[in-house]
Amino acid sequence: MIDTSSSELPPCDVLLAVRTLRPQARRWVHVSTVSVYAGWPHQPLTEDSPVLECPPDADATYGHTGEDGSPTVYGFQEAGGEAAVCEVFGPDAVLLRPGVILGPGEYVGRLPWWLTRAARGGPLLAPAPADQRIQPVDVRDVATAAVSSRRPSPTPGPGCDPTPAPSPTPDGPSTASARTRSPRSWQGSVPCTA
């Protein structure tokens, strides 16, 4: 099962779904977000970085957004969705934590807006700080990682599939470990700790 529900549903609904579908699903691939990390976006992250705490049965009112925009209610809700998946699926769960997802079908309009503006030429006002970089991931790489993670790895790790998912680089996709990536890049798959 590949699930993106916690981007729209509170943890209690994710918990209901995983409990209901557990008898039918051998493995649960949960597409989450880098926003679940407590240090996001201010600290360098690895898959071992602390995650926001949210109970798996929390409703849509759980969490808060910090004064500087971090953490976010969204991050808490996603962390609760992960907790729900891990509570029910344990070692049969895979958590994918991408950063900014771009590509075909993007409905937010981030990349198309910037590309269209750059194409017009002339001076371009960009957000500060200038040294803060992002490394978007292509939605097709996220989909490939999710589909390939449905199958258990030949040598499973302590929980979820530890095989790093594809990561975009300026030269195209790579399979470098999530531990070597910048804070805003693909975070790969991480073990459940429930």
Foldseek 3Di string as FASTA:
>chain_A
DEDAPLLPFFLLVLLVVCVVCVVPAQAYEYEFALLQAQCPPPDWDALPGDGDDEASNDHLVDDDADPVRPNHSSNNRRNSSLNSNCVRNWQRYKYWHFFAEDDPPDPVCPVVVVVVVVVVDDDDDDDDDPPDDAFYAYPVQVVVLRVVQSDADPDADRAGRLQFGWWQDPVGTDRDALRPDGSRTTRGIHGDPD
